[in-house]
N, C-alpha and C. Protein backbone atom coordinates (compact mmCIF):
# COMPACT_ATOMS: atom_id res chain seq x y z
N VAL A 1 4.21 3.54 -18.01
CA VAL A 1 3.18 3.32 -19.33
C VAL A 1 2.42 2.07 -19.12
N VAL A 2 3.18 1.16 -18.32
CA VAL A 2 2.38 -0.43 -18.36
C VAL A 2 0.96 -0.04 -17.06
N LEU A 3 1.33 0.44 -16.56
CA LEU A 3 0.34 -0.14 -15.14
C LEU A 3 -0.94 1.19 -15.60
N PRO A 4 -1.10 2.21 -16.17
CA PRO A 4 -2.36 2.89 -16.53
C PRO A 4 -3.28 2.14 -17.55
N LEU A 5 -2.43 1.09 -18.63
CA LEU A 5 -2.98 0.03 -19.30
C LEU A 5 -3.69 -0.95 -18.63
N VAL A 6 -2.75 -1.41 -17.64
CA VAL A 6 -3.50 -2.36 -16.96
C VAL A 6 -4.39 -1.91 -16.23
N GLU A 7 -4.44 -1.40 -15.66
CA GLU A 7 -5.37 -0.33 -15.13
C GLU A 7 -6.38 -0.65 -15.77
N LYS A 8 -6.89 0.06 -17.06
CA LYS A 8 -7.92 0.46 -17.86
C LYS A 8 -8.50 -1.12 -18.20
N TYR A 9 -7.75 -1.95 -18.31
CA TYR A 9 -7.91 -3.43 -19.08
C TYR A 9 -8.80 -4.05 -17.78
N PHE A 10 -8.04 -4.03 -16.79
CA PHE A 10 -8.66 -4.73 -15.81
C PHE A 10 -10.53 -4.02 -15.02
N GLN A 11 -10.74 -2.80 -15.36
CA GLN A 11 -11.43 -1.83 -15.25
C GLN A 11 -12.66 -2.41 -16.17
N ALA A 12 -12.31 -2.81 -17.26
CA ALA A 12 -13.63 -2.71 -18.39
C ALA A 12 -13.96 -4.33 -18.64
N HIS A 13 -12.46 -5.26 -17.79
CA HIS A 13 -13.35 -6.38 -17.70
C HIS A 13 -13.07 -6.91 -16.16
N ARG A 14 -13.35 -6.12 -15.49
CA ARG A 14 -13.97 -6.82 -14.31
C ARG A 14 -14.88 -8.07 -13.91
N GLU A 15 -16.17 -8.03 -14.81
CA GLU A 15 -17.14 -8.90 -14.50
C GLU A 15 -16.60 -10.13 -15.13
N TYR A 16 -15.43 -10.06 -15.82
CA TYR A 16 -15.23 -11.43 -16.85
C TYR A 16 -14.45 -12.30 -15.63
N PHE A 17 -13.68 -11.04 -14.92
CA PHE A 17 -12.82 -12.26 -13.79
C PHE A 17 -13.33 -12.96 -12.50
N ILE A 18 -14.28 -11.93 -12.10
CA ILE A 18 -15.19 -12.29 -10.79
C ILE A 18 -16.29 -13.08 -11.10
N THR A 19 -16.60 -13.70 -12.33
CA THR A 19 -18.06 -14.45 -12.52
C THR A 19 -17.53 -15.98 -12.58
N PRO A 20 -18.33 -16.19 -11.13
CA PRO A 20 -17.87 -17.94 -11.03
C PRO A 20 -17.97 -18.81 -12.27
N SER A 21 -17.26 -19.53 -12.53
CA SER A 21 -17.17 -20.78 -13.62
C SER A 21 -18.21 -21.17 -13.37
N SER A 22 -18.47 -21.55 -12.34
CA SER A 22 -20.24 -23.00 -11.89
C SER A 22 -21.51 -22.00 -12.57
N LEU A 23 -21.19 -20.57 -13.12
CA LEU A 23 -22.51 -20.12 -13.59
C LEU A 23 -22.14 -20.33 -15.13
N LYS A 24 -23.27 -21.40 -15.18
CA LYS A 24 -22.97 -21.42 -16.87
C LYS A 24 -24.26 -20.77 -18.05
N THR A 25 -23.65 -19.46 -18.12
CA THR A 25 -24.47 -18.52 -18.41
C THR A 25 -23.61 -18.53 -20.03
N GLY A 26 -24.64 -17.05 -20.89
CA GLY A 26 -23.75 -17.39 -21.97
C GLY A 26 -22.96 -16.44 -22.32
N THR A 27 -22.86 -15.71 -20.68
CA THR A 27 -21.07 -15.33 -21.12
C THR A 27 -20.29 -15.61 -21.11
N SER A 28 -18.92 -15.04 -21.24
CA SER A 28 -17.55 -15.94 -20.96
C SER A 28 -17.20 -15.94 -19.61
N TYR A 29 -16.49 -16.55 -19.25
CA TYR A 29 -15.18 -16.14 -17.86
C TYR A 29 -14.24 -16.50 -17.85
N ALA A 30 -13.40 -15.81 -17.07
CA ALA A 30 -11.87 -16.47 -16.66
C ALA A 30 -11.87 -17.75 -16.27
N THR A 31 -10.83 -18.41 -16.92
CA THR A 31 -10.24 -19.77 -16.35
C THR A 31 -9.62 -19.33 -15.15
N VAL A 32 -9.46 -20.82 -14.39
CA VAL A 32 -9.15 -20.31 -13.00
C VAL A 32 -7.11 -20.32 -13.15
N LYS A 33 -7.04 -20.47 -14.37
CA LYS A 33 -5.31 -19.97 -14.45
C LYS A 33 -5.34 -18.34 -14.82
N GLU A 34 -6.47 -17.72 -15.53
CA GLU A 34 -6.42 -16.51 -15.45
C GLU A 34 -6.50 -15.92 -14.38
N LYS A 35 -7.60 -16.42 -13.41
CA LYS A 35 -8.00 -15.92 -12.23
C LYS A 35 -6.79 -15.77 -11.01
N GLU A 36 -5.96 -16.74 -11.07
CA GLU A 36 -4.50 -17.57 -10.46
C GLU A 36 -3.38 -16.18 -11.25
N MET A 37 -3.64 -15.75 -12.13
CA MET A 37 -2.55 -14.80 -12.86
C MET A 37 -2.97 -13.15 -12.41
N SER A 38 -3.72 -13.23 -12.60
CA SER A 38 -4.85 -11.65 -11.66
C SER A 38 -4.67 -11.78 -10.43
N CYS A 39 -4.59 -12.91 -9.66
CA CYS A 39 -4.02 -12.36 -7.90
C CYS A 39 -2.69 -12.57 -7.58
N SER A 40 -1.78 -13.17 -8.70
CA SER A 40 -0.62 -13.20 -8.58
C SER A 40 0.32 -11.78 -9.17
N LEU A 41 -0.37 -11.25 -9.98
CA LEU A 41 -0.13 -9.72 -10.21
C LEU A 41 -0.44 -8.88 -9.18
N PHE A 42 -1.38 -8.79 -8.45
CA PHE A 42 -1.75 -7.72 -7.76
C PHE A 42 -1.30 -8.52 -6.34
N CYS A 43 -0.70 -9.37 -6.00
CA CYS A 43 0.59 -9.51 -4.75
C CYS A 43 1.76 -9.36 -5.67
N LYS A 44 2.10 -9.72 -6.77
CA LYS A 44 3.43 -8.86 -6.49
C LYS A 44 3.57 -7.36 -7.05
N LEU A 45 2.56 -7.07 -7.62
CA LEU A 45 2.07 -5.32 -7.55
C LEU A 45 2.44 -4.62 -6.13
N ALA A 46 1.53 -5.16 -5.16
CA ALA A 46 1.35 -4.80 -3.79
C ALA A 46 2.70 -4.96 -3.07
N PHE A 47 3.55 -6.05 -3.35
CA PHE A 47 4.62 -6.26 -3.07
C PHE A 47 5.92 -5.24 -3.41
N LEU A 48 5.88 -5.15 -4.79
CA LEU A 48 7.51 -4.49 -5.12
C LEU A 48 6.80 -2.38 -4.59
N LEU A 49 5.58 -2.21 -4.86
CA LEU A 49 5.35 -0.95 -3.91
C LEU A 49 5.62 -1.06 -2.59
N ARG A 50 5.45 -1.56 -2.04
CA ARG A 50 5.65 -1.91 -0.59
C ARG A 50 7.21 -2.36 -0.29
N GLN A 51 8.26 -2.84 -1.06
CA GLN A 51 9.66 -2.48 -1.62
C GLN A 51 10.65 -1.38 -1.71
N LYS A 52 9.52 -0.88 -2.55
CA LYS A 52 10.55 0.17 -3.54
C LYS A 52 9.38 1.31 -3.02
N PHE A 53 8.47 1.64 -2.74
CA PHE A 53 7.93 3.02 -2.24
C PHE A 53 8.88 3.93 -3.01
N GLY A 54 9.66 4.31 -2.12
CA GLY A 54 10.62 5.68 -2.33
C GLY A 54 10.96 5.84 -4.06
N ALA A 55 10.82 4.59 -4.71
CA ALA A 55 11.35 4.71 -5.82
C ALA A 55 10.25 5.34 -7.00
N PHE A 56 9.06 4.85 -6.14
CA PHE A 56 7.90 5.10 -7.35
C PHE A 56 7.60 6.83 -7.59
N GLY A 57 8.05 7.50 -6.46
CA GLY A 57 7.95 9.06 -6.53
C GLY A 57 6.57 9.40 -6.92
N ASN A 58 6.24 10.37 -8.25
CA ASN A 58 4.83 10.70 -8.75
C ASN A 58 4.20 9.44 -8.90
N GLU A 59 4.72 8.17 -9.36
CA GLU A 59 3.56 7.09 -9.89
C GLU A 59 3.38 6.71 -8.47
N VAL A 60 3.18 6.70 -7.62
CA VAL A 60 2.33 6.11 -6.56
C VAL A 60 0.98 6.10 -6.81
N ASN A 61 0.55 7.17 -7.34
CA ASN A 61 -1.11 7.28 -7.10
C ASN A 61 -1.64 6.57 -8.20
N ILE A 62 -0.66 6.23 -9.55
CA ILE A 62 -0.90 5.27 -10.61
C ILE A 62 -1.13 3.85 -9.87
N SER A 63 -0.07 3.61 -9.47
CA SER A 63 0.26 2.10 -8.60
C SER A 63 -1.05 1.78 -8.33
N VAL A 64 -1.28 2.75 -6.92
CA VAL A 64 -2.32 2.46 -6.17
C VAL A 64 -3.84 2.63 -6.71
N ARG A 65 -3.87 2.69 -8.01
CA ARG A 65 -5.09 3.30 -8.37
C ARG A 65 -5.35 1.64 -9.35
N CYS A 66 -4.42 1.60 -9.71
CA CYS A 66 -3.80 -0.50 -10.49
C CYS A 66 -4.24 -0.97 -9.47
N LEU A 67 -3.84 -0.91 -8.16
CA LEU A 67 -3.84 -2.02 -7.22
C LEU A 67 -5.25 -2.20 -6.66
N LYS A 68 -6.06 -0.79 -6.61
CA LYS A 68 -7.43 -0.67 -5.82
C LYS A 68 -7.98 -1.41 -7.53
N VAL A 69 -8.11 -1.46 -8.42
CA VAL A 69 -8.66 -2.24 -9.62
C VAL A 69 -8.45 -3.23 -9.70
N LEU A 70 -7.11 -3.61 -9.44
CA LEU A 70 -6.60 -5.39 -9.46
C LEU A 70 -7.70 -5.92 -8.57
N VAL A 71 -7.55 -5.47 -7.46
CA VAL A 71 -8.19 -6.41 -6.24
C VAL A 71 -9.74 -6.44 -6.46
N ARG A 72 -9.92 -5.37 -7.05
CA ARG A 72 -11.73 -5.60 -7.33
C ARG A 72 -12.22 -6.77 -8.63
N ALA A 73 -11.06 -7.13 -9.07
CA ALA A 73 -10.86 -8.15 -10.01
C ALA A 73 -10.72 -9.73 -9.99
N ILE A 74 -10.48 -9.91 -8.58
CA ILE A 74 -9.68 -11.09 -7.91
C ILE A 74 -10.94 -11.93 -7.59
N ASP A 75 -10.95 -13.06 -8.41
CA ASP A 75 -12.09 -14.36 -7.82
C ASP A 75 -11.65 -14.63 -6.29
N VAL A 76 -11.69 -14.22 -5.34
CA VAL A 76 -11.32 -14.59 -4.43
C VAL A 76 -11.87 -16.57 -4.15
N SER A 77 -12.89 -16.67 -3.91
CA SER A 77 -13.37 -17.72 -4.00
C SER A 77 -12.94 -18.77 -4.34
N SER A 78 -12.82 -18.70 -6.22
CA SER A 78 -12.68 -19.39 -6.86
C SER A 78 -10.96 -19.38 -6.50
N VAL A 79 -9.99 -19.02 -6.35
CA VAL A 79 -8.62 -18.89 -6.67
C VAL A 79 -8.59 -19.78 -4.82
N MET A 80 -8.82 -19.43 -3.72
CA MET A 80 -8.98 -20.09 -2.63
C MET A 80 -9.36 -22.00 -3.22
N LYS A 81 -10.38 -21.81 -3.63
CA LYS A 81 -10.76 -23.24 -3.93
C LYS A 81 -9.99 -24.08 -4.72
N ASN A 82 -9.99 -23.47 -5.71
CA ASN A 82 -9.37 -24.08 -7.34
C ASN A 82 -7.77 -23.91 -7.50
N SER A 83 -7.49 -22.84 -6.80
CA SER A 83 -5.69 -22.75 -7.02
C SER A 83 -4.61 -23.35 -6.63
N GLN A 84 -3.44 -23.67 -6.89
CA GLN A 84 -2.86 -24.72 -6.25
C GLN A 84 -2.26 -23.86 -4.87
N GLU A 85 -1.62 -24.19 -3.82
CA GLU A 85 -1.15 -23.78 -2.72
C GLU A 85 -0.33 -22.58 -3.01
N MET A 86 0.49 -22.53 -3.78
CA MET A 86 1.59 -21.41 -3.98
C MET A 86 0.66 -20.18 -4.23
N VAL A 87 -0.27 -19.63 -5.17
CA VAL A 87 -0.96 -19.04 -5.61
C VAL A 87 -1.97 -18.72 -4.36
N ARG A 88 -2.17 -19.86 -3.55
CA ARG A 88 -3.66 -19.12 -2.42
C ARG A 88 -2.62 -18.97 -1.31
N ALA A 89 -1.10 -19.25 -1.07
CA ALA A 89 -0.02 -18.75 -0.11
C ALA A 89 0.25 -17.41 -0.45
N SER A 90 0.27 -16.91 -1.34
CA SER A 90 0.56 -15.49 -1.75
C SER A 90 0.12 -14.26 -1.53
N LEU A 91 -1.09 -14.97 -0.75
CA LEU A 91 -2.31 -13.65 -0.47
C LEU A 91 -1.92 -13.55 1.35
N LEU A 92 -1.45 -14.53 1.92
CA LEU A 92 -0.89 -14.43 3.31
C LEU A 92 0.54 -13.21 3.93
N PRO A 93 1.41 -13.98 2.78
CA PRO A 93 2.73 -12.58 3.34
C PRO A 93 1.54 -10.64 3.23
N LEU A 94 0.82 -11.22 1.72
CA LEU A 94 0.43 -9.56 1.54
C LEU A 94 -0.51 -9.09 3.18
N PHE A 95 -1.27 -10.02 3.95
CA PHE A 95 -1.97 -9.69 5.10
C PHE A 95 -0.96 -9.53 6.48
N ASN A 96 0.26 -10.37 6.09
CA ASN A 96 1.14 -9.98 7.13
C ASN A 96 1.91 -8.86 7.10
N ASN A 97 2.04 -8.93 5.81
CA ASN A 97 2.86 -7.48 5.62
C ASN A 97 1.97 -6.15 6.18
N ILE A 98 1.24 -6.14 5.65
CA ILE A 98 -0.17 -5.12 6.00
C ILE A 98 -0.05 -5.16 7.22
N ALA A 99 -0.40 -5.93 8.44
CA ALA A 99 -0.47 -5.94 10.10
C ALA A 99 1.12 -5.53 10.26
N GLU A 100 2.44 -6.05 9.99
CA GLU A 100 3.05 -5.62 10.28
C GLU A 100 3.28 -4.14 10.29
N ASP A 101 3.13 -3.90 8.72
CA ASP A 101 3.47 -1.85 8.55
C ASP A 101 2.67 -1.68 9.82
N LEU A 102 1.33 -1.61 9.91
CA LEU A 102 0.29 -1.22 10.41
C LEU A 102 0.88 -1.22 12.12
N ASN A 103 1.28 -2.13 12.53
CA ASN A 103 1.69 -2.25 13.77
C ASN A 103 3.11 -1.56 14.09
N GLN A 104 3.70 -1.59 13.08
CA GLN A 104 4.94 -0.93 13.50
C GLN A 104 4.65 0.83 13.53
N THR A 105 3.75 1.44 12.72
CA THR A 105 4.01 2.43 12.61
C THR A 105 3.12 3.02 14.05
N VAL A 106 1.90 2.29 14.46
CA VAL A 106 0.96 2.87 15.80
C VAL A 106 2.42 2.57 17.20
N GLN A 107 3.34 1.73 16.90
CA GLN A 107 4.41 1.14 18.18
C GLN A 107 5.62 3.08 17.76
N ASN A 108 5.82 3.28 16.27
CA ASN A 108 6.28 4.54 16.30
C ASN A 108 5.83 5.67 16.95
N LEU A 109 4.46 5.38 16.43
CA LEU A 109 3.93 6.75 17.13
C LEU A 109 3.54 7.15 19.24
N GLU A 110 3.33 5.76 19.56
CA GLU A 110 3.65 5.36 20.82
C GLU A 110 4.91 5.73 21.39
N GLN A 111 5.98 5.71 20.69
CA GLN A 111 7.52 5.70 21.06
C GLN A 111 7.89 6.52 21.22
N ARG A 112 7.23 8.17 20.36
CA ARG A 112 6.97 9.16 19.85
C ARG A 112 8.50 9.01 18.83
N ARG A 113 8.41 8.32 17.73
CA ARG A 113 9.49 8.41 17.02
C ARG A 113 8.74 8.90 15.77
N TYR A 114 8.40 9.91 15.39
CA TYR A 114 7.89 11.05 14.72
C TYR A 114 8.82 11.05 13.32
N SER A 115 9.93 11.29 13.49
CA SER A 115 10.67 11.43 12.50
C SER A 115 10.73 9.88 11.73
N HIS A 116 10.52 8.31 12.03
CA HIS A 116 10.31 7.36 11.53
C HIS A 116 9.00 7.98 10.84
N VAL A 117 7.79 7.91 11.61
CA VAL A 117 6.47 8.24 11.03
C VAL A 117 6.31 9.25 9.80
N LYS A 118 7.09 10.50 10.15
CA LYS A 118 6.85 11.25 9.16
C LYS A 118 7.65 11.06 7.94
N GLY A 119 8.76 10.24 7.74
CA GLY A 119 9.39 9.82 6.56
C GLY A 119 10.85 10.48 6.36
N THR A 120 11.06 11.41 7.45
CA THR A 120 12.19 12.47 7.46
C THR A 120 13.43 11.72 7.65
N LEU A 121 13.34 10.60 8.48
CA LEU A 121 14.59 9.70 9.03
C LEU A 121 14.74 8.65 7.82
N GLN A 122 13.71 7.80 7.23
CA GLN A 122 14.09 6.77 6.62
C GLN A 122 12.64 6.79 5.42
N ARG A 123 12.36 6.71 4.46
CA ARG A 123 11.44 6.77 4.00
C ARG A 123 11.12 4.90 3.52
N GLY A 124 9.93 4.42 3.88
CA GLY A 124 9.65 3.53 4.14
C GLY A 124 8.13 2.90 4.18
N THR A 125 7.71 1.55 4.97
CA THR A 125 6.39 1.41 4.92
C THR A 125 6.46 1.62 6.37
N THR A 126 6.30 2.08 7.28
CA THR A 126 5.67 2.77 8.38
C THR A 126 5.63 4.07 7.89
N SER A 127 6.18 4.88 7.24
CA SER A 127 5.89 6.20 6.94
C SER A 127 4.34 6.53 7.06
N LEU A 128 3.42 7.81 7.33
CA LEU A 128 2.44 7.73 7.36
C LEU A 128 2.18 7.82 5.88
N SER A 129 2.89 8.55 5.24
CA SER A 129 2.60 8.86 3.56
C SER A 129 2.30 7.69 2.85
N TYR A 130 3.37 6.46 3.29
CA TYR A 130 2.89 4.95 2.90
C TYR A 130 1.42 4.42 3.53
N VAL A 131 1.36 4.52 4.94
CA VAL A 131 0.05 3.81 5.24
C VAL A 131 -1.06 4.79 4.64
N HIS A 132 -1.04 5.81 4.37
CA HIS A 132 -2.33 6.87 3.94
C HIS A 132 -2.68 6.17 2.15
N MET A 133 -1.34 6.31 1.27
CA MET A 133 -1.41 6.79 0.32
C MET A 133 -1.95 5.05 -0.11
N VAL A 134 -1.11 4.76 0.56
CA VAL A 134 -1.18 3.15 -0.05
C VAL A 134 -1.83 2.14 0.84
N LEU A 135 -1.25 2.11 1.74
CA LEU A 135 -2.08 0.88 2.90
C LEU A 135 -3.39 1.05 2.88
N LEU A 136 -3.93 1.99 3.40
CA LEU A 136 -5.47 2.12 3.55
C LEU A 136 -6.25 2.32 2.39
N SER A 137 -5.82 2.83 1.87
CA SER A 137 -6.47 2.97 0.29
C SER A 137 -6.72 1.41 -0.44
N VAL A 138 -6.05 0.73 -0.34
CA VAL A 138 -5.99 -0.50 -1.27
C VAL A 138 -6.95 -1.17 0.30
N LEU A 139 -6.45 -1.01 1.13
CA LEU A 139 -7.20 -2.34 2.12
C LEU A 139 -8.22 -2.04 2.05
N SER A 140 -8.68 -0.82 2.42
CA SER A 140 -10.29 -0.43 2.04
C SER A 140 -10.93 -1.18 0.52
N SER A 141 -10.36 -0.98 -0.34
CA SER A 141 -11.05 -1.29 -1.49
C SER A 141 -10.97 -2.74 -1.42
N MET A 142 -10.02 -3.68 -0.76
CA MET A 142 -9.83 -5.05 -0.59
C MET A 142 -11.01 -5.64 0.10
N LEU A 143 -10.92 -4.86 1.43
CA LEU A 143 -12.10 -5.28 2.36
C LEU A 143 -13.85 -5.57 1.37
N ASP A 144 -14.05 -4.33 0.91
CA ASP A 144 -15.13 -3.84 0.21
C ASP A 144 -15.30 -4.65 -0.49
N HIS A 145 -14.38 -5.50 -1.84
CA HIS A 145 -14.92 -6.29 -2.52
C HIS A 145 -15.10 -7.55 -1.80
N LEU A 146 -14.08 -7.86 -0.89
CA LEU A 146 -14.40 -9.04 -0.32
C LEU A 146 -15.67 -9.00 0.23
N GLY A 147 -16.33 -8.06 1.29
CA GLY A 147 -17.62 -7.99 1.82
C GLY A 147 -18.82 -7.71 0.35
N LYS A 148 -18.42 -7.17 -0.72
CA LYS A 148 -19.72 -7.09 -1.48
C LYS A 148 -19.31 -8.17 -2.00
N ASN A 149 -18.48 -9.13 -2.18
CA ASN A 149 -19.09 -10.29 -2.91
C ASN A 149 -19.24 -11.64 -1.95
N ASN A 150 -18.75 -11.45 -0.83
CA ASN A 150 -19.48 -12.60 0.55
C ASN A 150 -17.82 -13.38 0.20
N TYR A 151 -16.93 -13.02 -0.24
CA TYR A 151 -15.62 -13.62 -0.09
C TYR A 151 -15.09 -13.80 1.38
N GLY A 152 -15.43 -13.49 2.51
CA GLY A 152 -14.82 -12.95 3.51
C GLY A 152 -14.46 -14.70 4.06
N VAL A 153 -15.50 -15.53 3.91
CA VAL A 153 -15.16 -17.03 4.62
C VAL A 153 -14.00 -17.60 3.56
N ASP A 154 -14.18 -17.46 2.55
CA ASP A 154 -13.14 -17.70 1.71
C ASP A 154 -11.65 -17.62 1.95
N VAL A 155 -11.49 -16.27 2.57
CA VAL A 155 -10.16 -15.81 3.02
C VAL A 155 -9.58 -16.44 4.28
N PHE A 156 -10.72 -16.53 5.03
CA PHE A 156 -10.41 -17.15 6.81
C PHE A 156 -10.34 -18.45 6.16
């Protein structure tokens, strides 16, 4: 029930969250705290989906759509420059987990452990369904958002 509401909220207010606070226009913009909270919500939902992928069942698509909308509402530049270390550091495990999951999937394919990759032996973050449905989808949205808004330098 909550995820579709979160998705629609951040979809409708995307510009509010990514407008730099340095632009003193007539429009309102999110405070640094609000930007931190949206980044934190994205990281926590991504971590939860990674840890409990099998428990989401048919709701995976809703969760992925919500993550894709959330990542497009993160002002990475502001979060990296103005936020506390704890908030900035929450993005690092996200990238590490993505790299680890992709690396493990490739290793399973190279070692012909197809039961791991298919998810028949264990449902987890190395199954192709997780990689296809979650990782690649969210990662492409994230990289697209970082590129369109020139946030790449701030992340690195």
